[in-house]
Structure formats: structure tokens, C-alpha cells
């Protein structure tokens, strides 16, 4: 064999070896990159993963699994809930709650425990939201105080047809629609111990029924500013529960608001301004414990962390109370216009709180 032929054979063998090496490396590169992304899906870099990777079996560490809505998977494949619904939860809280009673006593060292269960639901057409609340209240220690509402129902609605259409002709004709978004609010069995700071006095609101008018609504009806007006029936029990001193009607007028804040809806701000006119509801003329009351409340809550996917939030709240006690109801108690206030700083832990539905962040 001549030298030229030998050179050709050697070159061909070298070329075959190089091609085999390239083919082996190509075979190795067909293995997908299983590095976890924040979304939790394993994907190949530069090309879609093979079918075997898409249909990979479920594993204990969650690699390759889809991430449920409202959850997040970190780089180690661990799944965690990152969205929580303020409207669906059971909560327990503890805080520091100094206050001044209507009787004029200032207490700077009481602890307070709050609790409640709430559930709300949006109708399939997205135009009605119903809210249910059970056992919403607070217990104070040093000295003892209790303020709890047994049941509350609240309905908000958005109407299709405006009640008033206004057309302006300043430049181009423009139409402005006014909607009357009327809803319903009712609560029953609101029980309060020492409502005026008198030891042994108790108050039981048997029920209230009120119409609501939403001045502003968010698209999902979670946030709102509204007015509500309606009557209520209240029973007051004298010191030590020895005598029922008053059964009355309380026409109430309330301006209140609720706002869900933040990119992930992890904060909530609400306020309430309420005025009550006190009237006798009995057939016989009985003295009233006052002509009117006024209350202002505001609260801010923010979810800071979660323990086993149960959110823990920090809460700040304040309230002020003004009552016109122009009549002497209890012998020896001075009649005067009384002022009370309460401040609260504490934490809440919620349970059974699902993520917000898609499109509500």
C-alpha cells in the first residue's frame, strides 16, 4: 500500500473517531437540565424537554410537579403557600390593649385576646358577594371585659342598570351613570360587658337590620366604602344583673370602609364611623341611658409570615367612644358626657385560609 493510500485510511479513521465522539456527546446532552426553577418545572435549556421528562413520575420532593395556584416552590423543591384570603379564615389573636373606660378609669396593662370565624363567597356572575361572620369578638383581662358578636351577615351587590344617567355637552357629549348599589347588613346577639364602665352592667343587642349603599366598590367586591342605616333592638341589664333597666331601639348610621392592599393582597385597612340615636322601645315611658353615642374605629393588619402555611399577621387598632349620658340611670352615678378610647397592638394567627382566587391579586 502506497503512502498516499495509508494517509487516506488514517484520515478516514480519525474522522470516524471524531464523529463517534460528537455522537456520544450529543447523546449525553439529550439528558434534560433538572435544575428547579421558581415555578417548580424541570426544563431543558435551549430546547423543550423530552416526553419522558414531561411524564416523569411523582417524587417525594416534588421535582417536576406543577405548582398549585397561590403556592411557590423554591430552588430545593419545597412547596409553600404565599397567598391568603382575609375573607375566609378562623383567627386567634393576642395583644396589648390599654384603654380608658367611659367611667373615667384608665387601664394601661390589660392583655386582650381576639377571635372569630369569617367566610365570604362571590356569586358565579361576579356581581354579589356574601359575607358570614361567627363569634367575632375580644376578651380583655385586668380588668375583665367582653365584647362579642354571635352572628353577622353582609351582602354587597353591583347592579347592571344605572338609576340615573347624566349627559353633559361641554365639549363632546359624555354620559355619566349613577348606580345605586344597595345591599344588606344584619347582626344578632352582640353581647358586651360593662359598656359604660359600670361594674355589673351588661348590654345585649338582640339584632340589627340595615340597608347598605356602596359608594365605591373594587372589581371583586372585596374592598368598598359604604353607608349603612337601620334600626336595632338592645337590652341593657343593670349592675350585677339584678334588673333589666332598658330595652331600646338604636337607629344607626355608619360610614365604613374596607381595603385589601399590596401586590399580593397581604394587607388590610378598615375603618368605621358610627352614630346611634337612642329611643325607648317599651310601651311605658322609661329613662334612657343616653340620647346618643358616637364611635370611631380603625385597624391595619399585615401578614408577616406563615407557620405550616398558616398566616401570622401584625395588627394595629384604635377606637374612640363618645356618649351623651344626660340622664342619671344608676343612683349615685354622675350624669355627664363620657369619652372612652382603646388602643390595640398584637398578632393574629389564622387557620383554614385558602389562597385568593386567580385574578384577585
Protein backbone atom coordinates (compact mmCIF):
# COMPACT_ATOMS: atom_id res chain seq x y z
CA UNK A 1 0.00 0.00 0.00
CA UNK A 2 1.37 3.31 -1.01
CA UNK A 3 1.95 6.14 1.40
CA UNK A 4 -0.93 8.15 -0.08
CA UNK A 5 -3.37 5.33 0.42
CA UNK A 6 -2.18 4.82 4.01
CA UNK A 7 -2.69 8.53 4.71
CA UNK A 8 -6.23 8.36 3.35
CA UNK A 9 -7.09 5.34 5.58
CA UNK A 10 -5.64 7.04 8.69
CA UNK A 11 -7.55 10.27 7.94
CA UNK A 12 -10.77 8.31 7.49
CA UNK A 13 -10.26 6.50 10.81
CA UNK A 14 -9.59 9.78 12.59
CA UNK A 15 -12.71 11.32 11.09
CA UNK A 16 -14.81 8.35 12.20
CA UNK A 17 -13.44 8.64 15.72
CA UNK A 18 -14.23 12.35 15.89
CA UNK A 19 -17.74 11.73 14.61
CA UNK A 20 -18.29 8.97 17.18
CA UNK A 21 -17.16 11.31 19.95
CA UNK A 22 -19.51 14.01 18.76
CA UNK A 23 -22.36 11.49 18.64
CA UNK A 24 -21.61 10.31 22.19
CA UNK A 25 -21.59 13.88 23.47
CA UNK A 26 -24.84 14.57 21.66
CA UNK A 27 -26.36 11.52 23.31
CA UNK A 28 -25.22 12.83 26.71
CA UNK A 29 -26.69 16.30 26.02
CA UNK A 30 -30.14 14.76 25.47
CA UNK A 31 -30.49 14.46 29.27
CA UNK A 32 -32.63 17.39 30.41
CA UNK A 33 -31.46 20.01 32.86
CA UNK A 34 -33.44 19.20 36.02
CA UNK A 35 -32.45 22.37 37.88
CA UNK A 36 -35.55 23.63 39.69
CA UNK A 37 -36.96 26.93 38.59
CA UNK A 38 -39.13 29.11 40.90
CA UNK A 39 -42.18 27.72 39.11
CA UNK A 40 -41.11 24.20 40.02
CA UNK A 41 -40.94 22.81 36.46
CA UNK A 42 -37.87 20.95 35.16
CA UNK A 43 -36.95 22.16 31.68
CA UNK A 44 -34.14 21.67 29.22
CA UNK A 45 -32.02 24.69 28.34
CA UNK A 46 -32.28 25.74 24.71
CA UNK A 47 -34.92 23.16 23.73
CA UNK A 48 -38.11 21.61 25.10
CA UNK A 49 -37.64 18.63 27.43
CA UNK A 50 -38.21 15.16 26.03
CA UNK A 51 -41.58 13.48 26.52
CA UNK A 52 -40.14 11.21 29.19
CA UNK A 53 -39.34 14.26 31.32
CA UNK A 54 -42.83 15.73 30.95
CA UNK A 55 -44.37 12.45 32.07
CA UNK A 56 -41.87 11.91 34.87
CA UNK A 57 -43.31 10.03 37.86
CA UNK A 58 -44.24 11.93 41.02
CA UNK A 59 -41.46 12.14 43.57
CA UNK A 60 -41.46 12.89 47.28
CA UNK A 61 -39.53 16.12 46.92
CA UNK A 62 -41.95 17.49 44.31
CA UNK A 63 -39.43 17.77 41.45
CA UNK A 64 -41.24 18.11 38.17
CA UNK A 65 -44.68 18.67 39.71
CA UNK A 66 -46.98 21.54 38.82
CA UNK A 67 -47.32 24.29 41.42
CA UNK A 68 -50.89 24.88 42.70
CA UNK A 69 -52.32 28.37 42.44
CA UNK A 70 -51.28 30.55 45.37
CA UNK A 71 -48.22 28.42 46.15
CA UNK A 72 -44.49 28.77 45.42
CA UNK A 73 -41.70 26.22 45.03
CA UNK A 74 -38.18 27.22 45.97
CA UNK A 75 -34.86 26.05 44.50
CA UNK A 76 -34.85 23.00 46.75
CA UNK A 77 -38.26 21.87 45.55
CA UNK A 78 -40.09 22.82 48.76
CA UNK A 79 -43.69 23.95 48.37
CA UNK A 80 -45.19 26.81 50.42
CA UNK A 81 -48.41 28.85 50.40
CA UNK A 82 -47.85 32.53 49.58
CA UNK A 83 -51.41 33.85 49.16
CA UNK A 84 -54.10 34.06 51.84
CA UNK A 85 -57.74 35.15 51.81
CA UNK A 86 -58.71 37.60 54.59
CA UNK A 87 -62.35 36.74 53.95
CA UNK A 88 -62.04 33.02 54.67
CA UNK A 89 -60.35 32.11 57.92
CA UNK A 90 -60.57 31.28 61.59
CA UNK A 91 -58.33 33.53 63.66
CA UNK A 92 -56.96 33.74 67.18
CA UNK A 93 -55.04 36.77 68.37
CA UNK A 94 -53.32 38.23 71.40
CA UNK A 95 -52.27 41.80 72.04
CA UNK A 96 -51.69 44.69 74.36
CA UNK A 97 -54.82 46.84 74.74
CA UNK A 98 -54.65 49.86 77.06
CA UNK A 99 -57.92 51.75 77.32
CA UNK A 100 -59.93 54.36 79.14
CA UNK A 101 -63.39 53.30 80.25
CA UNK A 102 -66.48 55.54 79.96
CA UNK A 103 -66.44 55.71 83.76
CA UNK A 104 -63.11 57.57 83.56
CA UNK A 105 -60.72 54.77 84.63
CA UNK A 106 -57.53 54.38 82.60
CA UNK A 107 -56.02 50.89 82.45
CA UNK A 108 -52.55 50.65 80.94
CA UNK A 109 -51.72 46.98 81.50
CA UNK A 110 -54.53 44.81 80.10
CA UNK A 111 -54.00 41.91 77.74
CA UNK A 112 -56.59 41.20 75.06
CA UNK A 113 -57.47 38.06 73.13
CA UNK A 114 -59.49 38.26 69.93
CA UNK A 115 -61.12 35.52 67.88
CA UNK A 116 -63.59 34.90 65.10
CA UNK A 117 -64.59 32.93 62.03
CA UNK A 118 -65.40 34.51 58.68
CA UNK A 119 -66.37 33.15 55.28
CA UNK A 120 -67.29 35.02 52.12
CA UNK A 121 -68.29 33.88 48.67
CA UNK A 122 -68.63 35.57 45.28
CA UNK A 123 -71.54 34.58 43.04
CA UNK A 124 -70.76 32.89 39.69
CA UNK A 125 -71.62 36.08 37.78
CA UNK A 126 -69.23 38.14 39.97
CA UNK A 127 -71.89 40.67 40.95
CA UNK A 128 -72.79 39.58 44.51
CA UNK A 129 -70.57 38.87 47.50
CA UNK A 130 -71.94 37.39 50.71
CA UNK A 131 -70.01 37.56 53.99
CA UNK A 132 -70.69 35.45 57.08
CA UNK A 133 -69.04 36.06 60.46
CA UNK A 134 -69.48 33.98 63.62
CA UNK A 135 -68.25 34.74 67.17
CA UNK A 136 -66.27 37.84 66.30
CA UNK A 137 -65.03 39.45 69.50
CA UNK A 138 -62.45 40.28 72.12
CA UNK A 139 -61.80 39.35 75.74
CA UNK A 140 -59.81 41.73 77.96
CA UNK A 141 -58.00 40.91 81.17
CA UNK A 142 -57.08 43.22 84.06
CA UNK A 143 -59.88 44.20 84.35
CA UNK A 144 -62.22 41.73 82.68
CA UNK A 145 -64.15 42.86 79.62
CA UNK A 146 -66.02 41.06 76.87
CA UNK A 147 -67.33 42.27 73.51
CA UNK A 148 -68.52 39.58 71.10
CA UNK A 149 -70.98 39.34 68.19
CA UNK A 150 -72.66 35.98 67.73
CA UNK A 151 -73.56 36.23 64.02
CA UNK A 152 -73.20 38.75 61.22
CA UNK A 153 -74.40 38.60 57.61
CA UNK A 154 -73.38 41.10 54.96
CA UNK A 155 -74.30 41.27 51.28
CA UNK A 156 -72.83 43.54 48.58
CA UNK A 157 -74.15 43.75 45.03
CA UNK A 158 -73.25 45.53 41.80
CA UNK A 159 -76.21 46.40 39.56
CA UNK A 160 -76.22 46.37 35.76
CA UNK A 161 -78.58 49.27 35.14
CA UNK A 162 -77.89 52.81 36.38
CA UNK A 163 -80.55 54.57 38.38
CA UNK A 164 -79.60 57.93 36.87
CA UNK A 165 -77.94 58.84 33.54
CA UNK A 166 -76.45 62.32 33.18
CA UNK A 167 -75.26 63.58 29.80
CA UNK A 168 -73.01 66.66 29.59
CA UNK A 169 -72.45 68.83 26.49
CA UNK A 170 -69.46 70.96 27.45
CA UNK A 171 -67.34 69.57 24.60
CA UNK A 172 -68.18 66.20 23.16
CA UNK A 173 -71.32 64.62 24.65
CA UNK A 174 -70.41 62.48 27.64
CA UNK A 175 -72.64 60.17 29.62
CA UNK A 176 -72.19 59.69 33.37
CA UNK A 177 -74.06 56.82 35.02
CA UNK A 178 -75.05 56.72 38.69
CA UNK A 179 -75.57 53.29 40.17
CA UNK A 180 -77.46 52.55 43.38
CA UNK A 181 -75.55 49.54 44.69
CA UNK A 182 -77.77 48.62 47.62
CA UNK A 183 -77.04 45.69 49.90
CA UNK A 184 -77.99 44.24 53.28
CA UNK A 185 -76.32 44.10 56.70
CA UNK A 186 -77.61 42.31 59.78
CA UNK A 187 -76.17 41.04 63.03
CA UNK A 188 -77.56 39.26 66.06
CA UNK A 189 -76.58 38.65 69.68
CA UNK A 190 -73.95 41.31 70.23
CA UNK A 191 -73.03 40.96 73.92
CA UNK A 192 -70.93 43.47 75.85
CA UNK A 193 -69.86 43.54 79.49
CA UNK A 194 -69.67 46.92 81.25
CA UNK A 195 -70.47 49.04 78.17
CA UNK A 196 -70.31 52.24 80.24
CA UNK A 197 -67.61 51.10 82.64
CA UNK A 198 -70.13 50.31 85.37
CA UNK A 199 -69.33 47.09 87.21
CA UNK A 200 -72.05 44.50 86.71
CA UNK A 201 -73.69 46.24 83.74
CA UNK A 202 -74.24 44.27 80.55
CA UNK A 203 -75.74 45.01 77.14
CA UNK A 204 -77.25 42.59 74.63
CA UNK A 205 -78.10 43.75 71.13
CA UNK A 206 -80.77 41.32 70.02
CA UNK A 207 -80.44 42.26 66.38
CA UNK A 208 -79.99 44.95 63.75
CA UNK A 209 -81.23 45.09 60.16
CA UNK A 210 -79.71 47.75 57.91
CA UNK A 211 -79.61 48.73 54.26
CA UNK A 212 -76.19 49.46 52.76
CA UNK A 213 -75.22 51.77 49.92
CA UNK A 214 -71.78 51.18 48.39
CA UNK A 215 -70.23 54.49 47.41
CA UNK A 216 -67.23 52.67 45.92
CA UNK A 217 -66.53 49.02 45.12
CA UNK A 218 -63.49 47.15 43.89
CA UNK A 219 -63.90 44.84 40.89
CA UNK A 220 -64.11 41.74 43.11
CA UNK A 221 -66.24 43.48 45.81
CA UNK A 222 -63.64 42.76 48.50
CA UNK A 223 -62.88 46.43 49.03
CA UNK A 224 -65.56 49.07 49.50
CA UNK A 225 -66.62 52.37 51.06
CA UNK A 226 -70.27 52.49 52.05
CA UNK A 227 -73.07 53.88 54.16
CA UNK A 228 -75.49 51.74 56.14
CA UNK A 229 -78.57 52.79 58.06
CA UNK A 230 -81.17 50.87 60.03
CA UNK A 231 -82.68 50.08 63.43
CA UNK A 232 -81.62 47.72 66.16
CA UNK A 233 -83.07 46.39 69.40
CA UNK A 234 -80.92 46.43 72.54
CA UNK A 235 -81.45 45.26 76.08
CA UNK A 236 -79.44 46.68 78.98
CA UNK A 237 -79.09 44.82 82.26
CA UNK A 238 -78.31 46.75 85.43
CA UNK A 239 -75.40 46.19 87.84
CA UNK A 240 -74.99 42.58 89.00
CA UNK A 241 -77.73 41.52 86.58
CA UNK A 242 -80.46 42.20 89.16
CA UNK A 243 -82.72 44.21 86.89
CA UNK A 244 -83.34 44.82 83.21
CA UNK A 245 -83.30 48.57 83.05
CA UNK A 246 -83.75 49.31 79.39
CA UNK A 247 -85.00 47.82 76.16
CA UNK A 248 -84.44 50.20 73.30
CA UNK A 249 -84.27 50.86 69.59
CA UNK A 250 -81.00 52.14 68.19
CA UNK A 251 -81.32 53.67 64.74
CA UNK A 252 -77.72 53.57 63.50
CA UNK A 253 -75.93 55.46 60.74
CA UNK A 254 -72.49 54.16 59.76
CA UNK A 255 -69.82 55.16 57.26
CA UNK A 256 -67.31 52.35 56.87
CA UNK A 257 -64.65 51.07 54.53
CA UNK A 258 -62.51 48.01 53.88
CA UNK A 259 -59.46 47.93 51.60
CA UNK A 260 -57.25 45.00 50.61
CA UNK A 261 -53.78 46.36 49.86
CA UNK A 262 -50.49 45.23 48.34
CA UNK A 263 -49.43 43.41 45.18
CA UNK A 264 -50.27 40.03 46.77
CA UNK A 265 -53.21 41.29 48.87
CA UNK A 266 -51.35 40.67 52.14
CA UNK A 267 -52.53 43.84 53.91
CA UNK A 268 -55.91 45.11 55.01
CA UNK A 269 -57.11 48.52 56.21
CA UNK A 270 -60.60 49.19 57.56
CA UNK A 271 -62.40 51.99 59.36
CA UNK A 272 -65.84 52.76 60.80
CA UNK A 273 -67.65 55.91 61.94
CA UNK A 274 -70.95 55.11 63.66
CA UNK A 275 -73.65 57.16 65.39
CA UNK A 276 -76.59 55.80 67.41
CA UNK A 277 -79.76 57.63 68.41
CA UNK A 278 -81.28 56.03 71.49
CA UNK A 279 -85.05 55.69 71.77
CA UNK A 280 -87.39 53.79 74.06
CA UNK A 281 -88.90 50.63 72.64
CA UNK A 282 -91.24 49.87 75.53
CA UNK A 283 -94.92 50.79 75.88
CA UNK A 284 -94.19 52.61 79.12
CA UNK A 285 -92.04 55.70 79.34
CA UNK A 286 -88.66 54.62 80.70
CA UNK A 287 -85.48 56.63 81.15
CA UNK A 288 -82.80 56.16 78.51
CA UNK A 289 -79.12 55.65 79.33
CA UNK A 290 -78.26 58.50 76.98
CA UNK A 291 -79.50 60.39 73.97
CA UNK A 292 -76.81 59.36 71.50
CA UNK A 293 -73.46 57.63 71.10
CA UNK A 294 -70.66 58.03 68.57
CA UNK A 295 -67.89 55.53 67.79
CA UNK A 296 -64.80 55.69 65.57
CA UNK A 297 -62.67 52.62 64.77
CA UNK A 298 -59.68 51.96 62.52
CA UNK A 299 -57.43 48.93 62.08
CA UNK A 300 -54.46 47.89 59.94
CA UNK A 301 -53.36 44.27 59.51
CA UNK A 302 -50.41 42.86 57.54
CA UNK A 303 -49.38 39.22 57.06
CA UNK A 304 -45.71 38.87 58.02
CA UNK A 305 -45.01 35.13 57.85
CA UNK A 306 -46.65 31.71 57.83
CA UNK A 307 -46.17 28.71 60.13
CA UNK A 308 -47.04 25.42 58.42
CA UNK A 309 -48.85 27.50 55.80
CA UNK A 310 -50.96 29.23 58.48
CA UNK A 311 -50.53 33.03 58.19
CA UNK A 312 -49.39 35.16 61.12
CA UNK A 313 -50.21 38.87 60.91
CA UNK A 314 -49.40 42.02 62.85
CA UNK A 315 -52.36 44.22 63.75
CA UNK A 316 -52.75 47.78 64.98
CA UNK A 317 -56.17 49.11 66.00
CA UNK A 318 -57.66 52.10 67.76
CA UNK A 319 -61.16 53.15 68.74
CA UNK A 320 -62.81 56.13 70.43
CA UNK A 321 -66.23 56.28 72.04
CA UNK A 322 -68.38 59.27 72.98
CA UNK A 323 -71.68 59.02 74.83
CA UNK A 324 -74.14 61.70 75.87
CA UNK A 325 -75.25 60.49 79.32
CA UNK A 326 -77.68 63.29 80.06
CA UNK A 327 -79.82 61.23 82.42
CA UNK A 328 -78.98 59.57 85.71
CA UNK A 329 -79.78 55.90 85.20
CA UNK A 330 -77.98 54.38 88.18
CA UNK A 331 -78.36 56.04 91.57
CA UNK A 332 -75.17 57.83 92.58
CA UNK A 333 -73.64 57.75 89.12
CA UNK A 334 -72.93 61.26 87.86
CA UNK A 335 -74.57 62.11 84.59
CA UNK A 336 -72.16 63.56 82.08
CA UNK A 337 -70.87 63.30 78.55
CA UNK A 338 -68.32 60.49 78.73
CA UNK A 339 -65.36 59.62 76.50
CA UNK A 340 -63.57 56.29 76.17
CA UNK A 341 -60.75 55.02 73.98
CA UNK A 342 -58.89 51.78 73.31
CA UNK A 343 -55.62 51.02 71.54
CA UNK A 344 -54.50 47.55 70.46
CA UNK A 345 -51.21 46.15 69.16
CA UNK A 346 -50.90 42.43 68.68
CA UNK A 347 -50.56 39.42 66.42
CA UNK A 348 -53.10 37.11 64.84
CA UNK A 349 -52.74 33.58 63.60
CA UNK A 350 -55.26 32.40 61.04
CA UNK A 351 -56.30 28.88 60.10
CA UNK A 352 -58.00 27.31 57.07
CA UNK A 353 -57.26 30.37 54.91
CA UNK A 354 -57.09 29.39 51.21
CA UNK A 355 -55.26 31.38 48.51
CA UNK A 356 -57.10 34.18 46.79
CA UNK A 357 -58.73 33.03 43.55
CA UNK A 358 -56.87 33.83 40.29
CA UNK A 359 -57.21 37.42 39.15
CA UNK A 360 -57.77 38.83 42.65
CA UNK A 361 -54.20 40.00 43.46
